Amino acid sequence: MSLEAQLIKYTCRLFFKYYPRTQQDMLKHARSRFNHLPVPNLLPAFLKHRSFLWEYDGQKLRGEAILQEAPTYHILYLHGGAFVAGRASTYLNMVGKLAQELHANAYLLDYRLAPEHPFPAALEDAFRAYRFIQENLETSEKLIVAGDSAGGGLTLSLLLKIRDEKLPLPRCAIALSPVTDLTFSSPSIWQNSECDDVLTATFIEKGKGLYCKKEETAHPYVSPLFGDLSNLCPILLTVSETECLRDDSLRFKQKAQEAGTSITLLIREDLPHVWPVFHPILPEATEDLHKISKFILQLRLP
């Protein structure tokens, strides 16, 4: 582990790690912390940035766009934040690095958040954004869907909805430390509660009921782990061994493989939840963003 990783881990524990007493306490903490990063968030050189406002199917869609001349690919990015917090603007650095390596435009969506806008609002926004981008492209093979944590789970749910609606799937999907099971039955949630540098089992437990009703938690569009994972595009997951959400990725990978879906897991031993967001300060983040770019570029589609 690099010295930078040790410092980032320490910073994450001070800034993010929390044991809320109530649901309202959890919501307040999530919005005060996940709407910001404890490190600089600068767009890589030579990339342009602007906010966007689209209207599609009667719904306004807002977010941040990273743009360059004659892009080869287009990225739809869904931010994390436990479905109740987070901002697209905090991901300019990390997503900008991917856009730079792929020579891609990137669209970071500020989807509607719970509890003010519970399920299926976030998924509806993501689906509308996907259709809006896709309809302006020659082929969906140029489109990549990605997200982290809650946004990683939303990315995987979006794949199921795209397939179910019989729309062309994207080139691939990238899910960084995704939550795939909102019944929260993964053993690692409690096993790794102390060693996770960002999340705690208490934080996750207090978030129950904010995004969806109890009877909806096993719905495939909420918990993609419980969906039919066949006939999807190639997927890349990343997760750390010490994360509360480790088993969400391990279980999803196994089920996707059994369904015949091409899936790759990049796993690290002891790094924080969604560590790629700490590029360029964290060497491991820069290294793994390069691996993600290489995965996308080397895909051989039928």
C-alpha atoms as a PDB file:
ATOM      1  CA  MET A   1       0.000   0.000   0.000  1.00  0.00           C
ATOM      2  CA  SER A   2       1.332   3.437  -0.894  1.00  0.00           C
ATOM      3  CA  LEU A   3       1.918   6.189   1.641  1.00  0.00           C
ATOM      4  CA  GLU A   4      -0.721   8.221  -0.178  1.00  0.00           C
ATOM      5  CA  ALA A   5      -3.224   5.381   0.358  1.00  0.00           C
ATOM      6  CA  GLN A   6      -2.553   5.391   4.088  1.00  0.00           C
ATOM      7  CA  LEU A   7      -3.148   9.149   4.228  1.00  0.00           C
ATOM      8  CA  ILE A   8      -6.330   8.892   2.146  1.00  0.00           C
ATOM      9  CA  LYS A   9      -7.644   6.102   4.386  1.00  0.00           C
ATOM     10  CA  TYR A  10      -6.999   8.225   7.479  1.00  0.00           C
ATOM     11  CA  THR A  11      -8.678  11.248   5.869  1.00  0.00           C
ATOM     12  CA  CYS A  12     -11.718   9.174   4.869  1.00  0.00           C
ATOM     13  CA  ARG A  13     -12.180   7.937   8.426  1.00  0.00           C
ATOM     14  CA  LEU A  14     -12.149  11.498   9.729  1.00  0.00           C
ATOM     15  CA  PHE A  15     -14.387  12.911   7.005  1.00  0.00           C
ATOM     16  CA  PHE A  16     -16.858  10.137   6.115  1.00  0.00           C
ATOM     17  CA  LYS A  17     -17.037   7.336   8.699  1.00  0.00           C
ATOM     18  CA  TYR A  18     -20.019   7.807  10.984  1.00  0.00           C
ATOM     19  CA  TYR A  19     -22.417   5.900  13.237  1.00  0.00           C
ATOM     20  CA  PRO A  20     -25.760   7.719  12.980  1.00  0.00           C
ATOM     21  CA  ARG A  21     -28.311   7.301  15.750  1.00  0.00           C
ATOM     22  CA  THR A  22     -31.398   8.000  13.667  1.00  0.00           C
ATOM     23  CA  GLN A  23     -32.492   7.996  10.033  1.00  0.00           C
ATOM     24  CA  GLN A  24     -32.542  11.801  10.008  1.00  0.00           C
ATOM     25  CA  ASP A  25     -29.033  11.794  11.450  1.00  0.00           C
ATOM     26  CA  MET A  26     -27.873   9.548   8.610  1.00  0.00           C
ATOM     27  CA  LEU A  27     -29.497  11.800   5.999  1.00  0.00           C
ATOM     28  CA  LYS A  28     -27.922  14.940   7.445  1.00  0.00           C
ATOM     29  CA  HIS A  29     -24.465  13.364   7.550  1.00  0.00           C
ATOM     30  CA  ALA A  30     -24.740  11.978   4.010  1.00  0.00           C
ATOM     31  CA  ARG A  31     -25.649  15.364   2.572  1.00  0.00           C
ATOM     32  CA  SER A  32     -22.974  17.238   4.504  1.00  0.00           C
ATOM     33  CA  ARG A  33     -20.205  14.812   3.493  1.00  0.00           C
ATOM     34  CA  PHE A  34     -21.045  13.110   0.183  1.00  0.00           C
ATOM     35  CA  ASN A  35     -21.802  16.428  -1.514  1.00  0.00           C
ATOM     36  CA  HIS A  36     -18.118  17.327  -1.198  1.00  0.00           C
ATOM     37  CA  LEU A  37     -14.717  15.664  -1.438  1.00  0.00           C
ATOM     38  CA  PRO A  38     -11.947  16.071   1.175  1.00  0.00           C
ATOM     39  CA  VAL A  39      -9.424  16.471  -1.668  1.00  0.00           C
ATOM     40  CA  PRO A  40      -9.138  18.896  -4.648  1.00  0.00           C
ATOM     41  CA  ASN A  41     -11.483  18.183  -7.548  1.00  0.00           C
ATOM     42  CA  LEU A  42      -9.937  19.624 -10.705  1.00  0.00           C
ATOM     43  CA  LEU A  43     -10.768  18.863 -14.310  1.00  0.00           C
ATOM     44  CA  PRO A  44      -7.792  17.441 -16.253  1.00  0.00           C
ATOM     45  CA  ALA A  45      -6.090  19.865 -18.633  1.00  0.00           C
ATOM     46  CA  PHE A  46      -7.462  20.536 -22.142  1.00  0.00           C
ATOM     47  CA  LEU A  47     -10.987  19.328 -21.326  1.00  0.00           C
ATOM     48  CA  LYS A  48     -14.002  21.623 -21.417  1.00  0.00           C
ATOM     49  CA  HIS A  49     -16.711  21.645 -18.775  1.00  0.00           C
ATOM     50  CA  ARG A  50     -20.208  23.055 -18.712  1.00  0.00           C
ATOM     51  CA  SER A  51     -23.450  22.402 -16.883  1.00  0.00           C
ATOM     52  CA  PHE A  52     -26.311  21.004 -18.950  1.00  0.00           C
ATOM     53  CA  LEU A  53     -30.076  21.119 -18.791  1.00  0.00           C
ATOM     54  CA  TRP A  54     -31.963  18.734 -21.049  1.00  0.00           C
ATOM     55  CA  GLU A  55     -35.667  18.035 -21.311  1.00  0.00           C
ATOM     56  CA  TYR A  56     -36.763  14.570 -22.337  1.00  0.00           C
ATOM     57  CA  ASP A  57     -40.119  12.858 -22.043  1.00  0.00           C
ATOM     58  CA  GLY A  58     -41.469  15.718 -19.955  1.00  0.00           C
ATOM     59  CA  GLN A  59     -38.670  15.623 -17.356  1.00  0.00           C
ATOM     60  CA  LYS A  60     -35.817  18.090 -16.924  1.00  0.00           C
ATOM     61  CA  LEU A  61     -32.388  16.485 -16.605  1.00  0.00           C
ATOM     62  CA  ARG A  62     -29.477  18.402 -15.074  1.00  0.00           C
ATOM     63  CA  GLY A  63     -25.811  17.653 -14.675  1.00  0.00           C
ATOM     64  CA  GLU A  64     -22.259  18.385 -15.730  1.00  0.00           C
ATOM     65  CA  ALA A  65     -20.738  17.724 -19.148  1.00  0.00           C
ATOM     66  CA  ILE A  66     -17.067  17.120 -19.967  1.00  0.00           C
ATOM     67  CA  LEU A  67     -16.516  17.837 -23.639  1.00  0.00           C
ATOM     68  CA  GLN A  68     -13.816  17.594 -26.284  1.00  0.00           C
ATOM     69  CA  GLU A  69     -13.504  17.768 -30.047  1.00  0.00           C
ATOM     70  CA  ALA A  70     -14.624  14.746 -32.101  1.00  0.00           C
ATOM     71  CA  PRO A  71     -15.112  12.290 -29.184  1.00  0.00           C
ATOM     72  CA  THR A  72     -14.719   8.572 -29.824  1.00  0.00           C
ATOM     73  CA  TYR A  73     -16.959   7.524 -26.916  1.00  0.00           C
ATOM     74  CA  HIS A  74     -19.639   8.967 -24.666  1.00  0.00           C
ATOM     75  CA  ILE A  75     -19.955   8.227 -20.934  1.00  0.00           C
ATOM     76  CA  LEU A  76     -23.140   8.508 -18.868  1.00  0.00           C
ATOM     77  CA  TYR A  77     -22.000   8.701 -15.226  1.00  0.00           C
ATOM     78  CA  LEU A  78     -24.243   8.172 -12.172  1.00  0.00           C
ATOM     79  CA  HIS A  79     -22.780   9.466  -8.917  1.00  0.00           C
ATOM     80  CA  GLY A  80     -22.871   7.807  -5.506  1.00  0.00           C
ATOM     81  CA  GLY A  81     -24.337   9.068  -2.243  1.00  0.00           C
ATOM     82  CA  ALA A  82     -26.659   6.386  -0.827  1.00  0.00           C
ATOM     83  CA  PHE A  83     -29.443   7.542  -3.196  1.00  0.00           C
ATOM     84  CA  VAL A  84     -29.994  10.544  -0.891  1.00  0.00           C
ATOM     85  CA  ALA A  85     -26.921  12.705  -1.482  1.00  0.00           C
ATOM     86  CA  GLY A  86     -24.014  13.380  -3.839  1.00  0.00           C
ATOM     87  CA  ARG A  87     -23.381  15.766  -6.696  1.00  0.00           C
ATOM     88  CA  ALA A  88     -22.165  15.226 -10.221  1.00  0.00           C
ATOM     89  CA  SER A  89     -19.741  18.147  -9.854  1.00  0.00           C
ATOM     90  CA  THR A  90     -17.603  16.233  -7.319  1.00  0.00           C
ATOM     91  CA  TYR A  91     -16.593  13.693  -9.988  1.00  0.00           C
ATOM     92  CA  LEU A  92     -15.019  15.980 -12.584  1.00  0.00           C
ATOM     93  CA  ASN A  93     -11.514  14.817 -11.696  1.00  0.00           C
ATOM     94  CA  MET A  94     -12.087  11.054 -11.861  1.00  0.00           C
ATOM     95  CA  VAL A  95     -14.531  11.014 -14.772  1.00  0.00           C
ATOM     96  CA  GLY A  96     -12.405  13.619 -16.525  1.00  0.00           C
ATOM     97  CA  LYS A  97      -9.449  11.218 -16.359  1.00  0.00           C
ATOM     98  CA  LEU A  98     -11.544   8.468 -17.976  1.00  0.00           C
ATOM     99  CA  ALA A  99     -12.788  10.904 -20.614  1.00  0.00           C
ATOM    100  CA  GLN A 100      -9.220  11.952 -21.319  1.00  0.00           C
ATOM    101  CA  GLU A 101      -7.934   8.385 -21.723  1.00  0.00           C
ATOM    102  CA  LEU A 102     -10.899   7.304 -23.863  1.00  0.00           C
ATOM    103  CA  HIS A 103     -11.163  10.559 -25.799  1.00  0.00           C
ATOM    104  CA  ALA A 104     -14.792  10.670 -24.676  1.00  0.00           C
ATOM    105  CA  ASN A 105     -17.461  13.161 -23.798  1.00  0.00           C
ATOM    106  CA  ALA A 106     -18.908  12.505 -20.348  1.00  0.00           C
ATOM    107  CA  TYR A 107     -22.309  13.439 -18.962  1.00  0.00           C
ATOM    108  CA  LEU A 108     -22.546  13.360 -15.172  1.00  0.00           C
ATOM    109  CA  LEU A 109     -26.220  13.249 -14.226  1.00  0.00           C
ATOM    110  CA  ASP A 110     -27.685  14.899 -11.130  1.00  0.00           C
ATOM    111  CA  TYR A 111     -30.589  12.478 -10.844  1.00  0.00           C
ATOM    112  CA  ARG A 112     -33.396  13.134  -8.384  1.00  0.00           C
ATOM    113  CA  LEU A 113     -32.633  12.105  -4.816  1.00  0.00           C
ATOM    114  CA  ALA A 114     -34.619  10.370  -2.080  1.00  0.00           C
ATOM    115  CA  PRO A 115     -36.408  10.759   0.253  1.00  0.00           C
ATOM    116  CA  GLU A 116     -37.976  13.714  -1.572  1.00  0.00           C
ATOM    117  CA  HIS A 117     -37.982  11.665  -4.789  1.00  0.00           C
ATOM    118  CA  PRO A 118     -38.023   7.941  -3.915  1.00  0.00           C
ATOM    119  CA  PHE A 119     -37.734   4.976  -6.278  1.00  0.00           C
ATOM    120  CA  PRO A 120     -38.218   4.904  -9.225  1.00  0.00           C
ATOM    121  CA  ALA A 121     -37.304   8.593  -9.749  1.00  0.00           C
ATOM    122  CA  ALA A 122     -33.517   8.070  -9.962  1.00  0.00           C
ATOM    123  CA  LEU A 123     -33.874   5.156 -12.369  1.00  0.00           C
ATOM    124  CA  GLU A 124     -36.356   7.073 -14.511  1.00  0.00           C
ATOM    125  CA  ASP A 125     -33.905   9.984 -14.762  1.00  0.00           C
ATOM    126  CA  ALA A 126     -31.044   7.654 -15.670  1.00  0.00           C
ATOM    127  CA  PHE A 127     -33.172   5.908 -18.294  1.00  0.00           C
ATOM    128  CA  ARG A 128     -34.261   9.219 -19.833  1.00  0.00           C
ATOM    129  CA  ALA A 129     -30.655  10.437 -19.935  1.00  0.00           C
ATOM    130  CA  TYR A 130     -29.561   7.191 -21.596  1.00  0.00           C
ATOM    131  CA  ARG A 131     -32.246   7.485 -24.255  1.00  0.00           C
ATOM    132  CA  PHE A 132     -31.453  11.164 -24.845  1.00  0.00           C
ATOM    133  CA  ILE A 133     -27.755  10.452 -25.413  1.00  0.00           C
ATOM    134  CA  GLN A 134     -28.391   7.290 -27.415  1.00  0.00           C
ATOM    135  CA  GLU A 135     -30.791   9.008 -29.792  1.00  0.00           C
ATOM    136  CA  ASN A 136     -28.062  11.504 -30.656  1.00  0.00           C
ATOM    137  CA  LEU A 137     -25.464   8.818 -31.443  1.00  0.00           C
ATOM    138  CA  GLU A 138     -25.021   6.662 -34.515  1.00  0.00           C
ATOM    139  CA  THR A 139     -24.619   3.517 -32.393  1.00  0.00           C
ATOM    140  CA  SER A 140     -24.841   2.506 -28.732  1.00  0.00           C
ATOM    141  CA  GLU A 141     -21.413   0.851 -29.133  1.00  0.00           C
ATOM    142  CA  LYS A 142     -19.984   4.321 -28.501  1.00  0.00           C
ATOM    143  CA  LEU A 143     -21.873   4.703 -25.220  1.00  0.00           C
ATOM    144  CA  ILE A 144     -20.578   3.613 -21.795  1.00  0.00           C
ATOM    145  CA  VAL A 145     -22.655   3.651 -18.598  1.00  0.00           C
ATOM    146  CA  ALA A 146     -20.802   3.987 -15.297  1.00  0.00           C
ATOM    147  CA  GLY A 147     -21.396   4.834 -11.664  1.00  0.00           C
ATOM    148  CA  ASP A 148     -20.200   4.323  -8.119  1.00  0.00           C
ATOM    149  CA  SER A 149     -21.733   3.037  -4.876  1.00  0.00           C
ATOM    150  CA  ALA A 150     -25.473   3.817  -5.103  1.00  0.00           C
ATOM    151  CA  GLY A 151     -24.815   5.092  -8.625  1.00  0.00           C
ATOM    152  CA  GLY A 152     -23.053   1.813  -9.380  1.00  0.00           C
ATOM    153  CA  GLY A 153     -26.134  -0.098  -8.339  1.00  0.00           C
ATOM    154  CA  LEU A 154     -28.246   2.312 -10.375  1.00  0.00           C
ATOM    155  CA  THR A 155     -25.977   1.622 -13.365  1.00  0.00           C
ATOM    156  CA  LEU A 156     -26.671  -2.115 -13.101  1.00  0.00           C
ATOM    157  CA  SER A 157     -30.408  -1.563 -12.620  1.00  0.00           C
ATOM    158  CA  LEU A 158     -30.355   0.671 -15.690  1.00  0.00           C
ATOM    159  CA  LEU A 159     -28.886  -2.190 -17.750  1.00  0.00           C
ATOM    160  CA  LEU A 160     -31.805  -4.418 -16.751  1.00  0.00           C
ATOM    161  CA  LYS A 161     -34.330  -1.756 -17.707  1.00  0.00           C
ATOM    162  CA  ILE A 162     -32.626  -1.035 -21.044  1.00  0.00           C
ATOM    163  CA  ARG A 163     -32.706  -4.757 -21.891  1.00  0.00           C
ATOM    164  CA  ASP A 164     -36.289  -5.159 -20.682  1.00  0.00           C
ATOM    165  CA  GLU A 165     -37.385  -2.191 -22.812  1.00  0.00           C
ATOM    166  CA  LYS A 166     -35.636  -3.852 -25.779  1.00  0.00           C
ATOM    167  CA  LEU A 167     -33.341  -0.890 -26.416  1.00  0.00           C
ATOM    168  CA  PRO A 168     -29.757  -1.297 -27.657  1.00  0.00           C
ATOM    169  CA  LEU A 169     -27.407  -1.903 -24.746  1.00  0.00           C
ATOM    170  CA  PRO A 170     -24.307   0.254 -24.214  1.00  0.00           C
ATOM    171  CA  ARG A 171     -20.805  -0.874 -25.123  1.00  0.00           C
ATOM    172  CA  CYS A 172     -20.221  -1.811 -21.462  1.00  0.00           C
ATOM    173  CA  ALA A 173     -20.993  -0.835 -17.891  1.00  0.00           C
ATOM    174  CA  ILE A 174     -18.570   0.140 -15.115  1.00  0.00           C
ATOM    175  CA  ALA A 175     -19.726  -0.126 -11.487  1.00  0.00           C
ATOM    176  CA  LEU A 176     -17.332   1.072  -8.764  1.00  0.00           C
ATOM    177  CA  SER A 177     -18.054  -0.442  -5.333  1.00  0.00           C
ATOM    178  CA  PRO A 178     -21.739  -0.839  -6.254  1.00  0.00           C
ATOM    179  CA  VAL A 179     -24.619  -1.588  -3.913  1.00  0.00           C
ATOM    180  CA  THR A 180     -26.478  -4.451  -5.607  1.00  0.00           C
ATOM    181  CA  ASP A 181     -28.689  -5.686  -2.741  1.00  0.00           C
ATOM    182  CA  LEU A 182     -30.875  -3.211  -0.890  1.00  0.00           C
ATOM    183  CA  THR A 183     -32.235  -5.939   1.362  1.00  0.00           C
ATOM    184  CA  PHE A 184     -28.738  -5.532   2.855  1.00  0.00           C
ATOM    185  CA  SER A 185     -28.244  -9.259   3.328  1.00  0.00           C
ATOM    186  CA  SER A 186     -24.543  -9.318   2.384  1.00  0.00           C
ATOM    187  CA  PRO A 187     -22.499 -10.625   5.360  1.00  0.00           C
ATOM    188  CA  SER A 188     -19.665  -8.172   4.642  1.00  0.00           C
ATOM    189  CA  ILE A 189     -21.850  -5.223   5.688  1.00  0.00           C
ATOM    190  CA  TRP A 190     -21.393  -6.259   9.318  1.00  0.00           C
ATOM    191  CA  GLN A 191     -18.106  -8.142   8.962  1.00  0.00           C
ATOM    192  CA  ASN A 192     -16.324  -5.120   7.465  1.00  0.00           C
ATOM    193  CA  SER A 193     -18.087  -2.342   9.344  1.00  0.00           C
ATOM    194  CA  GLU A 194     -14.964  -1.468  11.350  1.00  0.00           C
ATOM    195  CA  CYS A 195     -12.345  -1.918   8.612  1.00  0.00           C
ATOM    196  CA  ASP A 196     -14.267   0.010   5.926  1.00  0.00           C
ATOM    197  CA  ASP A 197     -12.797   3.531   5.843  1.00  0.00           C
ATOM    198  CA  VAL A 198     -15.989   5.220   4.609  1.00  0.00           C
ATOM    199  CA  LEU A 199     -19.156   3.249   5.434  1.00  0.00           C
ATOM    200  CA  THR A 200     -20.467   1.583   8.585  1.00  0.00           C
ATOM    201  CA  ALA A 201     -23.175  -1.019   9.008  1.00  0.00           C
ATOM    202  CA  THR A 202     -25.047   1.476  11.194  1.00  0.00           C
ATOM    203  CA  PHE A 203     -24.958   4.105   8.448  1.00  0.00           C
ATOM    204  CA  ILE A 204     -26.317   1.576   5.941  1.00  0.00           C
ATOM    205  CA  GLU A 205     -28.946   0.297   8.384  1.00  0.00           C
ATOM    206  CA  LYS A 206     -30.259   3.789   9.167  1.00  0.00           C
ATOM    207  CA  GLY A 207     -30.622   4.489   5.459  1.00  0.00           C
ATOM    208  CA  LYS A 208     -33.267   1.793   5.056  1.00  0.00           C
ATOM    209  CA  GLY A 209     -36.591   3.145   3.897  1.00  0.00           C
ATOM    210  CA  LEU A 210     -35.252   6.411   2.482  1.00  0.00           C
ATOM    211  CA  TYR A 211     -34.916   5.233  -1.133  1.00  0.00           C
ATOM    212  CA  CYS A 212     -37.740   2.729  -1.400  1.00  0.00           C
ATOM    213  CA  LYS A 213     -40.441   0.931   0.537  1.00  0.00           C
ATOM    214  CA  LYS A 214     -39.587  -2.291   2.374  1.00  0.00           C
ATOM    215  CA  GLU A 215     -41.597  -4.386  -0.079  1.00  0.00           C
ATOM    216  CA  GLU A 216     -39.616  -2.893  -2.979  1.00  0.00           C
ATOM    217  CA  THR A 217     -36.111  -3.715  -1.713  1.00  0.00           C
ATOM    218  CA  ALA A 218     -35.883  -7.015  -3.635  1.00  0.00           C
ATOM    219  CA  HIS A 219     -37.202  -5.526  -6.889  1.00  0.00           C
ATOM    220  CA  PRO A 220     -34.566  -6.024  -9.631  1.00  0.00           C
ATOM    221  CA  TYR A 221     -34.651  -2.318 -10.485  1.00  0.00           C
ATOM    222  CA  VAL A 222     -33.768  -1.568  -6.838  1.00  0.00           C
ATOM    223  CA  SER A 223     -31.513  -4.551  -6.125  1.00  0.00           C
ATOM    224  CA  PRO A 224     -30.110  -5.744  -9.471  1.00  0.00           C
ATOM    225  CA  LEU A 225     -28.639  -8.802  -7.738  1.00  0.00           C
ATOM    226  CA  PHE A 226     -32.152 -10.294  -7.745  1.00  0.00           C
ATOM    227  CA  GLY A 227     -32.785  -9.674 -11.426  1.00  0.00           C
ATOM    228  CA  ASP A 228     -32.270 -11.783 -14.517  1.00  0.00           C
ATOM    229  CA  LEU A 229     -28.636 -11.073 -15.388  1.00  0.00           C
ATOM    230  CA  SER A 230     -28.617 -12.716 -18.808  1.00  0.00           C
ATOM    231  CA  ASN A 231     -28.220 -10.944 -22.144  1.00  0.00           C
ATOM    232  CA  LEU A 232     -26.415  -7.917 -20.756  1.00  0.00           C
ATOM    233  CA  CYS A 233     -23.411  -6.024 -22.094  1.00  0.00           C
ATOM    234  CA  PRO A 234     -19.917  -6.639 -20.627  1.00  0.00           C
ATOM    235  CA  ILE A 235     -19.577  -5.367 -17.049  1.00  0.00           C
ATOM    236  CA  LEU A 236     -16.577  -4.327 -14.962  1.00  0.00           C
ATOM    237  CA  LEU A 237     -16.904  -4.144 -11.174  1.00  0.00           C
ATOM    238  CA  THR A 238     -14.377  -2.768  -8.701  1.00  0.00           C
ATOM    239  CA  VAL A 239     -14.402  -3.388  -4.954  1.00  0.00           C
ATOM    240  CA  SER A 240     -12.051  -3.495  -1.973  1.00  0.00           C
ATOM    241  CA  GLU A 241     -11.719  -6.539   0.310  1.00  0.00           C
ATOM    242  CA  THR A 242     -12.317  -4.312   3.354  1.00  0.00           C
ATOM    243  CA  GLU A 243     -15.545  -2.681   2.158  1.00  0.00           C
ATOM    244  CA  CYS A 244     -18.963  -3.152   3.698  1.00  0.00           C
ATOM    245  CA  LEU A 245     -20.253  -3.660   0.141  1.00  0.00           C
ATOM    246  CA  ARG A 246     -17.642  -6.260  -0.830  1.00  0.00           C
ATOM    247  CA  ASP A 247     -20.117  -9.143  -1.007  1.00  0.00           C
ATOM    248  CA  ASP A 248     -22.524  -7.105  -3.136  1.00  0.00           C
ATOM    249  CA  SER A 249     -19.921  -7.278  -5.910  1.00  0.00           C
ATOM    250  CA  LEU A 250     -18.837 -10.865  -5.261  1.00  0.00           C
ATOM    251  CA  ARG A 251     -22.403 -12.164  -5.298  1.00  0.00           C
ATOM    252  CA  PHE A 252     -23.328 -10.133  -8.367  1.00  0.00           C
ATOM    253  CA  LYS A 253     -20.276 -11.380 -10.262  1.00  0.00           C
ATOM    254  CA  GLN A 254     -21.090 -15.012  -9.496  1.00  0.00           C
ATOM    255  CA  LYS A 255     -24.731 -14.682 -10.529  1.00  0.00           C
ATOM    256  CA  ALA A 256     -23.859 -12.781 -13.720  1.00  0.00           C
ATOM    257  CA  GLN A 257     -21.326 -15.451 -14.687  1.00  0.00           C
ATOM    258  CA  GLU A 258     -23.912 -18.161 -14.127  1.00  0.00           C
ATOM    259  CA  ALA A 259     -26.278 -16.227 -16.425  1.00  0.00           C
ATOM    260  CA  GLY A 260     -23.632 -16.115 -19.162  1.00  0.00           C
ATOM    261  CA  THR A 261     -22.867 -12.407 -18.916  1.00  0.00           C
ATOM    262  CA  SER A 262     -19.273 -11.286 -19.466  1.00  0.00           C
ATOM    263  CA  ILE A 263     -18.152  -9.765 -16.173  1.00  0.00           C
ATOM    264  CA  THR A 264     -14.777  -8.717 -14.770  1.00  0.00           C
ATOM    265  CA  LEU A 265     -13.955  -7.935 -11.140  1.00  0.00           C
ATOM    266  CA  LEU A 266     -11.072  -5.668 -10.155  1.00  0.00           C
ATOM    267  CA  ILE A 267     -10.530  -6.240  -6.441  1.00  0.00           C
ATOM    268  CA  ARG A 268      -8.065  -4.526  -4.095  1.00  0.00           C
ATOM    269  CA  GLU A 269      -7.010  -5.635  -0.623  1.00  0.00           C
ATOM    270  CA  ASP A 270      -7.235  -2.525   1.552  1.00  0.00           C
ATOM    271  CA  LEU A 271      -8.436   0.653  -0.132  1.00  0.00           C
ATOM    272  CA  PRO A 272     -11.365   2.970   0.641  1.00  0.00           C
ATOM    273  CA  HIS A 273     -14.843   2.664  -0.828  1.00  0.00           C
ATOM    274  CA  VAL A 274     -14.781   4.022  -4.425  1.00  0.00           C
ATOM    275  CA  TRP A 275     -11.014   4.677  -4.265  1.00  0.00           C
ATOM    276  CA  PRO A 276     -10.694   5.726  -7.966  1.00  0.00           C
ATOM    277  CA  VAL A 277     -12.314   9.040  -7.035  1.00  0.00           C
ATOM    278  CA  PHE A 278      -9.043  10.015  -5.336  1.00  0.00           C
ATOM    279  CA  HIS A 279      -7.109  10.313  -8.598  1.00  0.00           C
ATOM    280  CA  PRO A 280      -4.501  11.862  -9.008  1.00  0.00           C
ATOM    281  CA  ILE A 281      -3.522  11.999  -5.336  1.00  0.00           C
ATOM    282  CA  LEU A 282      -3.813   8.226  -4.914  1.00  0.00           C
ATOM    283  CA  PRO A 283      -1.455   6.223  -7.187  1.00  0.00           C
ATOM    284  CA  GLU A 284      -3.684   3.140  -6.989  1.00  0.00           C
ATOM    285  CA  ALA A 285      -6.616   5.230  -8.242  1.00  0.00           C
ATOM    286  CA  THR A 286      -4.691   6.419 -11.293  1.00  0.00           C
ATOM    287  CA  GLU A 287      -3.462   2.880 -11.978  1.00  0.00           C
ATOM    288  CA  ASP A 288      -6.968   1.410 -11.800  1.00  0.00           C
ATOM    289  CA  LEU A 289      -8.564   4.139 -13.912  1.00  0.00           C
ATOM    290  CA  HIS A 290      -6.023   3.200 -16.573  1.00  0.00           C
ATOM    291  CA  LYS A 291      -7.074  -0.460 -16.205  1.00  0.00           C
ATOM    292  CA  ILE A 292     -10.715   0.538 -16.627  1.00  0.00           C
ATOM    293  CA  SER A 293      -9.893   2.519 -19.767  1.00  0.00           C
ATOM    294  CA  LYS A 294      -7.906  -0.421 -21.130  1.00  0.00           C
ATOM    295  CA  PHE A 295     -10.841  -2.772 -20.428  1.00  0.00           C
ATOM    296  CA  ILE A 296     -13.163  -0.525 -22.431  1.00  0.00           C
ATOM    297  CA  LEU A 297     -10.760  -0.020 -25.339  1.00  0.00           C
ATOM    298  CA  GLN A 298      -9.927  -3.711 -25.684  1.00  0.00           C
ATOM    299  CA  LEU A 299     -13.509  -4.948 -25.769  1.00  0.00           C
ATOM    300  CA  ARG A 300     -14.286  -6.995 -28.840  1.00  0.00           C
ATOM    301  CA  LEU A 301     -18.000  -6.759 -29.466  1.00  0.00           C
ATOM    302  CA  PRO A 302     -19.903  -9.260 -31.633  1.00  0.00           C
END
